[in-house]
Amino acid sequence: MTLREARKARRAGITLLTVAAEPWIDRYVLSAIASFPYQYNMIVAPSYRTMPNSNFTEYLVNSICNSQLAYLLTLQL
């Protein structure tokens, strides 16, 4: 059901990013939810302990703000 809702959201023009932590996650589901290309829209931290880390926070901000999609949207404006 989650994948169906994600598909509806993407068809409506919503960009979906997935963020997860912990080593035991279902990468297939995360990539199926994330917008294309999922490699840029799926972010996985090794553990919850690393998420507040400034390096992870910086990576997360850069991934969202400097994504190809953000660049393409800027060009369209």
Protein backbone atom coordinates (compact mmCIF):
# COMPACT_ATOMS: atom_id res chain seq x y z
CA MET A 1 0.00 0.00 0.00
CA THR A 2 2.90 2.36 0.76
CA LEU A 3 4.36 1.87 -2.70
CA ARG A 4 1.00 2.60 -4.30
CA GLU A 5 0.67 5.86 -2.34
CA ALA A 6 4.24 6.83 -3.25
CA ARG A 7 3.45 6.22 -6.91
CA LYS A 8 0.36 8.46 -6.65
CA ALA A 9 2.41 11.21 -5.02
CA ARG A 10 5.10 11.07 -7.71
CA ARG A 11 2.44 11.20 -10.44
CA ALA A 12 1.05 14.31 -8.73
CA GLY A 13 4.47 15.94 -9.13
CA ILE A 14 5.68 15.51 -5.58
CA THR A 15 9.38 14.72 -5.14
CA LEU A 16 9.90 12.03 -2.54
CA LEU A 17 13.09 11.64 -0.54
CA THR A 18 13.62 8.69 1.76
CA VAL A 19 15.82 8.97 4.83
CA ALA A 20 16.57 5.94 6.98
CA ALA A 21 18.95 4.78 9.65
CA GLU A 22 20.04 1.44 10.98
CA PRO A 23 21.81 -1.37 9.19
CA TRP A 24 18.71 -3.58 8.73
CA ILE A 25 16.52 -1.67 6.32
CA ASP A 26 14.74 -2.68 3.17
CA ARG A 27 16.63 -0.79 0.49
CA TYR A 28 14.24 -2.03 -2.18
CA VAL A 29 11.28 -0.37 -0.48
CA LEU A 30 13.23 2.83 0.15
CA SER A 31 14.28 3.03 -3.49
CA ALA A 32 10.75 2.23 -4.66
CA ILE A 33 9.35 5.11 -2.60
CA ALA A 34 12.03 7.67 -3.54
CA SER A 35 11.71 9.75 -6.68
CA PHE A 36 13.86 9.01 -9.71
CA PRO A 37 16.80 8.82 -9.71
CA TYR A 38 16.55 7.05 -6.36
CA GLN A 39 20.33 7.10 -5.88
CA TYR A 40 20.03 10.87 -5.31
CA ASN A 41 16.77 10.73 -3.38
CA MET A 42 17.50 7.88 -0.95
CA ILE A 43 19.67 8.70 2.05
CA VAL A 44 20.77 6.01 4.48
CA ALA A 45 22.70 6.62 7.69
CA PRO A 46 24.58 3.73 9.29
CA SER A 47 22.79 4.31 12.63
CA TYR A 48 20.63 6.78 14.50
CA ARG A 49 23.70 7.86 16.42
CA THR A 50 25.26 9.23 13.24
CA MET A 51 22.22 11.24 12.20
CA PRO A 52 22.75 14.22 14.56
CA ASN A 53 26.41 14.20 13.56
CA SER A 54 27.35 17.43 11.78
CA ASN A 55 28.76 15.45 8.84
CA PHE A 56 25.48 13.63 8.31
CA THR A 57 23.48 16.84 8.74
CA GLU A 58 25.68 18.56 6.17
CA TYR A 59 25.33 15.60 3.81
CA LEU A 60 21.55 15.65 4.21
CA VAL A 61 21.30 19.39 3.54
CA ASN A 62 23.59 19.14 0.52
CA SER A 63 21.69 16.17 -0.85
CA ILE A 64 18.40 18.03 -0.67
CA CYS A 65 19.52 21.54 -1.61
CA ASN A 66 22.04 20.62 -4.29
CA SER A 67 20.19 17.77 -5.91
CA GLN A 68 19.84 17.54 -9.65
CA LEU A 69 16.13 18.06 -9.22
CA ALA A 70 16.62 21.33 -7.33
CA TYR A 71 19.00 22.44 -10.09
CA LEU A 72 16.50 21.54 -12.81
CA LEU A 73 13.69 23.35 -11.01
CA THR A 74 15.87 26.43 -10.73
CA LEU A 75 16.49 26.35 -14.48
CA GLN A 76 12.75 26.17 -15.16
CA LEU A 77 12.01 29.29 -13.10
